[in-house]
Amino acid sequence: MRVAAASITFTGPITITGTRELVVFSQTDIVVATGAVLDASSHGGTVGAAADDMACSAGGVGSTSGIGGTGGPGGSFGTQGGDGAPGGSSNVAGSTATAPAAVALTEVRGGCPGYAGGGGTMGISGSGGHGGGAVYLLAPGSITVGGAINASGDGGRPASNTDGGGGGGGSGGLIVLDATNVAVSGILLATGGGGGGANASNTASPGDPPSLSSPTTAAAGGTGEASVGGHGGDGATTAAGQPGQAGFVGFTYTTGGGGGGGGAGHIRIYGTPNVNGIVVPGAQ
């Protein structure tokens, strides 16, 4: 999506979806007013603008033969996602699913999805969360953000049947502010979603997406079933996403591993910055 005008002010909440990134160009200034939200995040079935870029690396899952499904790794972008945890059966642990490496920023693009968990013996795992979207604001004068810009990733889904692994959380996306002067008194957020919980008997929960109401708090991983299925890892705020928790291996039946948390995205500020608000992860 492309938006161009002499001067641009956003005054209310706007949800930005679709396969193209949001690029806003003003001939003078851009204002995201207090109370306004440019929401290019992925959450609750909504996929942020240009999320899940085709350049994202493929993740992998561990063996599921005779053991609980491995959790899916979290998506990697600005930082690496968390590894998917092994499932287990009869006191035997499965293998770990390693998240792809972090990705250098070379173009305007969205974040990377988390990856599905292993199916275990039942073949039904949790899907990965979508990555965050991409927002690029460009003005020759000033950019002022008193509201919020959100390009965070979604949480991974829980396994939907016995012994499946949880899905990995999606990574944060991209926010770029490019102007002579850039003032941020509001919130810039591009963090990862939590990994999904794993099952032993179908009561696991999904990972959380990041929240603008608590932007410095990592998105929580989903809960594994009854402390037997593995919990999902927390999403990343500044460092790498947290790995999922392994499925319990002390029982004779199989248990799945938790999904890894999504990695953080990228935030870039070009020009003279005046930042008194909250920027997570920190701008580079």
Protein backbone atom coordinates (compact mmCIF):
# COMPACT_ATOMS: atom_id res chain seq x y z
CA MET A 1 0.00 0.00 0.00
CA ARG A 2 1.27 3.47 -0.93
CA VAL A 3 0.02 6.76 0.57
CA ALA A 4 1.29 10.18 -0.59
CA ALA A 5 0.15 13.72 0.27
CA ALA A 6 1.50 17.19 1.07
CA SER A 7 1.03 16.69 4.81
CA ILE A 8 -0.34 13.61 6.58
CA THR A 9 -1.85 13.22 10.06
CA PHE A 10 -3.22 9.95 11.43
CA THR A 11 -5.79 10.53 14.18
CA GLY A 12 -7.39 7.13 14.85
CA PRO A 13 -6.75 3.39 14.77
CA ILE A 14 -5.95 1.91 11.35
CA THR A 15 -5.46 -1.81 10.66
CA ILE A 16 -3.07 -2.49 7.81
CA THR A 17 -3.19 -5.86 6.04
CA GLY A 18 -2.42 -7.30 2.62
CA THR A 19 0.58 -8.57 0.71
CA ARG A 20 2.26 -5.17 0.29
CA GLU A 21 4.05 -3.11 2.94
CA LEU A 22 2.64 0.27 4.00
CA VAL A 23 4.76 3.14 2.62
CA VAL A 24 3.66 6.68 3.52
CA PHE A 25 5.30 9.69 1.81
CA SER A 26 4.63 13.30 2.73
CA GLN A 27 6.00 16.37 0.99
CA THR A 28 6.39 18.05 4.40
CA ASP A 29 5.52 16.26 7.67
CA ILE A 30 3.85 13.12 9.04
CA VAL A 31 2.05 12.96 12.41
CA VAL A 32 0.76 9.87 14.20
CA ALA A 33 -1.31 11.70 16.77
CA THR A 34 -1.81 10.69 20.40
CA GLY A 35 -4.44 7.94 20.44
CA ALA A 36 -3.80 6.91 16.84
CA VAL A 37 -2.51 3.40 16.08
CA LEU A 38 -1.00 2.18 12.82
CA ASP A 39 -1.51 -1.54 13.32
CA ALA A 40 0.43 -3.75 10.91
CA SER A 41 0.77 -6.55 13.47
CA SER A 42 -0.46 -10.10 13.05
CA HIS A 43 -2.92 -11.26 15.72
CA GLY A 44 -6.10 -13.27 16.11
CA GLY A 45 -6.26 -14.38 12.49
CA THR A 46 -5.32 -10.96 11.08
CA VAL A 47 -2.12 -10.99 9.01
CA GLY A 48 -0.11 -7.77 8.99
CA ALA A 49 0.89 -5.93 5.81
CA ALA A 50 3.65 -7.81 3.90
CA ALA A 51 4.06 -10.34 6.72
CA ASP A 52 5.58 -13.80 6.12
CA ASP A 53 8.01 -12.61 3.45
CA MET A 54 8.97 -15.16 0.80
CA ALA A 55 12.65 -14.69 1.68
CA CYS A 56 12.12 -16.22 5.13
CA SER A 57 14.15 -19.35 5.74
CA ALA A 58 12.43 -22.68 6.12
CA GLY A 59 12.45 -24.13 9.61
CA GLY A 60 12.63 -27.79 10.54
CA VAL A 61 11.04 -30.15 13.02
CA GLY A 62 12.55 -33.09 14.80
CA SER A 63 11.61 -36.72 14.43
CA THR A 64 8.10 -37.65 15.48
CA SER A 65 8.39 -41.39 14.91
CA GLY A 66 7.18 -43.12 18.05
CA ILE A 67 7.64 -39.99 20.16
CA GLY A 68 5.66 -36.86 20.88
CA GLY A 69 5.81 -34.14 18.25
CA THR A 70 8.60 -31.59 18.39
CA GLY A 71 7.55 -27.97 18.92
CA GLY A 72 7.96 -25.69 15.91
CA PRO A 73 10.75 -23.09 16.05
CA GLY A 74 9.87 -19.41 16.27
CA GLY A 75 10.28 -17.12 13.27
CA SER A 76 13.59 -15.24 12.95
CA PHE A 77 14.11 -11.71 11.61
CA GLY A 78 15.89 -9.02 13.64
CA THR A 79 16.84 -11.65 16.22
CA GLN A 80 16.65 -15.42 16.13
CA GLY A 81 13.48 -17.21 17.15
CA GLY A 82 13.45 -19.79 19.92
CA ASP A 83 14.01 -23.46 19.18
CA GLY A 84 11.11 -25.88 19.19
CA ALA A 85 11.36 -28.27 22.12
CA PRO A 86 11.48 -32.05 21.87
CA GLY A 87 8.54 -34.25 22.63
CA GLY A 88 8.95 -37.41 24.63
CA SER A 89 7.74 -40.92 25.30
CA SER A 90 8.65 -43.66 27.77
CA ASN A 91 11.52 -41.63 29.26
CA VAL A 92 12.98 -40.93 25.80
CA ALA A 93 13.28 -37.35 24.53
CA GLY A 94 12.95 -36.44 20.88
CA SER A 95 15.14 -34.03 18.93
CA THR A 96 15.14 -30.21 19.05
CA ALA A 97 13.91 -28.11 16.11
CA THR A 98 16.42 -25.29 15.53
CA ALA A 99 15.21 -21.82 14.52
CA PRO A 100 16.74 -20.13 11.46
CA ALA A 101 19.37 -17.44 11.97
CA ALA A 102 18.50 -13.74 12.27
CA VAL A 103 18.12 -11.84 8.97
CA ALA A 104 20.01 -8.69 7.97
CA LEU A 105 17.76 -5.90 6.73
CA THR A 106 18.27 -5.27 2.99
CA GLU A 107 14.77 -4.30 1.82
CA VAL A 108 11.38 -3.14 3.08
CA ARG A 109 9.65 -6.38 4.08
CA GLY A 110 7.65 -7.99 6.85
CA GLY A 111 8.72 -10.49 9.49
CA CYS A 112 8.89 -14.26 9.32
CA PRO A 113 6.34 -16.83 10.47
CA GLY A 114 6.85 -19.41 13.14
CA TYR A 115 6.87 -23.01 12.06
CA ALA A 116 4.46 -25.84 12.70
CA GLY A 117 5.17 -28.40 15.38
CA GLY A 118 5.67 -32.08 14.69
CA GLY A 119 2.56 -34.23 14.51
CA GLY A 120 3.56 -36.93 16.97
CA THR A 121 1.78 -40.24 16.60
CA MET A 122 -1.58 -38.57 15.88
CA GLY A 123 -0.33 -36.29 13.09
CA ILE A 124 -2.03 -33.10 14.37
CA SER A 125 0.29 -30.26 15.45
CA GLY A 126 0.03 -26.56 16.15
CA SER A 127 0.59 -24.14 13.25
CA GLY A 128 3.10 -21.31 13.48
CA GLY A 129 2.12 -17.70 14.13
CA HIS A 130 2.35 -15.13 11.35
CA GLY A 131 5.20 -12.61 11.32
CA GLY A 132 4.66 -8.90 11.85
CA GLY A 133 4.06 -6.50 8.97
CA ALA A 134 6.09 -3.60 7.53
CA VAL A 135 5.57 0.17 7.90
CA TYR A 136 7.80 2.82 6.25
CA LEU A 137 7.16 6.55 6.87
CA LEU A 138 9.14 9.07 4.79
CA ALA A 139 9.10 12.88 4.95
CA PRO A 140 11.64 15.64 4.19
CA GLY A 141 10.56 17.64 7.23
CA SER A 142 9.52 15.85 10.41
CA ILE A 143 7.84 12.69 11.63
CA THR A 144 6.09 12.84 15.01
CA VAL A 145 4.70 9.72 16.72
CA GLY A 146 2.56 10.47 19.76
CA GLY A 147 0.40 7.40 19.23
CA ALA A 148 1.60 3.92 18.34
CA ILE A 149 2.93 1.87 15.44
CA ASN A 150 2.65 -1.89 15.90
CA ALA A 151 4.37 -4.44 13.62
CA SER A 152 4.53 -7.41 15.99
CA GLY A 153 4.21 -11.12 15.26
CA ASP A 154 1.39 -13.44 16.31
CA GLY A 155 1.53 -16.30 18.80
CA GLY A 156 1.89 -19.92 17.70
CA ARG A 157 -1.11 -22.20 17.85
CA PRO A 158 -1.41 -25.13 20.26
CA ALA A 159 -1.41 -28.70 19.08
CA SER A 160 -5.00 -29.77 18.47
CA ASN A 161 -4.75 -33.39 19.53
CA THR A 162 -2.87 -35.80 21.75
CA ASP A 163 0.96 -35.61 21.66
CA GLY A 164 1.31 -32.93 18.96
CA GLY A 165 3.95 -30.19 19.22
CA GLY A 166 3.03 -26.51 19.59
CA GLY A 167 3.61 -24.02 16.76
CA GLY A 168 6.37 -21.41 16.91
CA GLY A 169 5.60 -17.72 17.40
CA GLY A 170 5.93 -15.28 14.50
CA SER A 171 8.76 -12.76 14.49
CA GLY A 172 8.32 -9.03 14.76
CA GLY A 173 8.20 -7.08 11.51
CA LEU A 174 9.68 -3.75 10.35
CA ILE A 175 9.16 -0.09 11.27
CA VAL A 176 11.17 2.63 9.50
CA LEU A 177 10.91 6.37 10.23
CA ASP A 178 12.89 8.52 7.77
CA ALA A 179 12.87 12.33 8.09
CA THR A 180 15.10 15.27 8.95
CA ASN A 181 13.70 15.25 12.48
CA VAL A 182 11.97 12.28 14.15
CA ALA A 183 10.17 12.66 17.50
CA VAL A 184 8.71 9.64 19.30
CA SER A 185 6.75 10.14 22.51
CA GLY A 186 4.45 7.18 21.86
CA ILE A 187 5.16 3.50 21.13
CA LEU A 188 7.02 1.67 18.36
CA LEU A 189 6.58 -2.10 18.76
CA ALA A 190 7.97 -4.92 16.58
CA THR A 191 8.37 -7.90 18.90
CA GLY A 192 7.77 -11.64 18.57
CA GLY A 193 4.76 -13.76 19.50
CA GLY A 194 4.83 -16.54 22.07
CA GLY A 195 5.12 -20.19 21.07
CA GLY A 196 2.11 -22.49 21.28
CA GLY A 197 1.70 -25.08 24.02
CA ALA A 198 1.85 -28.85 23.41
CA ASN A 199 -0.70 -31.48 24.17
CA ALA A 200 -1.10 -34.73 25.98
CA SER A 201 -4.92 -34.72 25.88
CA ASN A 202 -6.04 -31.62 23.98
CA THR A 203 -6.12 -28.76 26.50
CA ALA A 204 -3.05 -26.70 25.52
CA SER A 205 -3.28 -22.94 24.86
CA PRO A 206 -1.87 -20.69 22.11
CA GLY A 207 1.00 -18.26 22.53
CA ASP A 208 0.09 -14.63 23.11
CA PRO A 209 0.71 -11.80 20.64
CA PRO A 210 2.57 -8.75 22.03
CA SER A 211 0.40 -6.06 23.60
CA LEU A 212 0.54 -2.27 23.28
CA SER A 213 -0.73 -2.06 26.87
CA SER A 214 2.50 -3.70 28.12
CA PRO A 215 4.98 -3.17 25.27
CA THR A 216 8.15 -4.00 27.19
CA THR A 217 6.78 -7.36 28.41
CA ALA A 218 7.53 -10.44 26.34
CA ALA A 219 4.51 -12.15 24.79
CA ALA A 220 3.90 -15.26 26.87
CA GLY A 221 4.16 -18.75 25.47
CA GLY A 222 1.09 -20.96 25.59
CA THR A 223 0.57 -23.41 28.43
CA GLY A 224 1.20 -27.09 27.80
CA GLU A 225 -1.51 -29.51 28.84
CA ALA A 226 -1.56 -30.32 32.58
CA SER A 227 2.21 -29.79 33.05
CA VAL A 228 2.80 -32.77 30.78
CA GLY A 229 2.81 -31.25 27.31
CA GLY A 230 5.58 -28.65 26.94
CA HIS A 231 4.89 -24.93 27.39
CA GLY A 232 5.61 -22.55 24.53
CA GLY A 233 8.55 -20.15 24.76
CA ASP A 234 8.07 -16.39 25.25
CA GLY A 235 8.44 -14.08 22.27
CA ALA A 236 11.48 -11.83 21.95
CA THR A 237 11.56 -8.16 22.90
CA THR A 238 15.23 -7.38 22.33
CA ALA A 239 17.20 -10.66 22.41
CA ALA A 240 16.37 -14.00 20.82
CA GLY A 241 13.02 -15.68 21.36
CA GLN A 242 12.84 -18.17 24.20
CA PRO A 243 12.92 -21.88 23.33
CA GLY A 244 9.88 -23.99 23.96
CA GLN A 245 9.73 -26.33 26.94
CA ALA A 246 10.27 -30.04 26.32
CA GLY A 247 7.40 -32.43 26.65
CA PHE A 248 7.45 -34.52 29.81
CA VAL A 249 9.30 -37.79 29.25
CA GLY A 250 8.53 -39.72 32.42
CA PHE A 251 5.26 -41.26 31.27
CA THR A 252 4.56 -44.25 29.09
CA TYR A 253 2.33 -42.23 26.77
CA THR A 254 3.68 -39.61 24.37
CA THR A 255 3.79 -35.84 24.96
CA GLY A 256 4.57 -32.97 22.60
CA GLY A 257 7.13 -30.19 22.94
CA GLY A 258 6.33 -26.50 23.16
CA GLY A 259 6.85 -24.10 20.25
CA GLY A 260 9.66 -21.56 20.33
CA GLY A 261 8.98 -17.85 20.79
CA GLY A 262 9.25 -15.53 17.79
CA GLY A 263 12.32 -13.34 17.35
CA ALA A 264 12.22 -9.54 17.47
CA GLY A 265 11.84 -7.45 14.33
CA HIS A 266 13.71 -4.40 13.03
CA ILE A 267 13.15 -0.72 13.89
CA ARG A 268 15.11 1.97 12.04
CA ILE A 269 15.13 5.73 12.63
CA TYR A 270 16.92 7.89 10.03
CA GLY A 271 17.48 11.58 10.75
CA THR A 272 17.84 13.45 14.04
CA PRO A 273 15.94 11.45 16.69
CA ASN A 274 14.17 12.74 19.78
CA VAL A 275 12.88 9.60 21.48
CA ASN A 276 11.11 9.88 24.82
CA GLY A 277 8.62 7.11 24.23
CA ILE A 278 8.88 3.31 24.13
CA VAL A 279 10.75 1.65 21.26
CA VAL A 280 10.95 -2.18 21.39
CA PRO A 281 13.27 -3.54 20.14
CA GLY A 282 15.54 -0.50 20.30
CA ALA A 283 15.96 1.48 17.09
CA GLN A 284 19.16 1.06 15.08
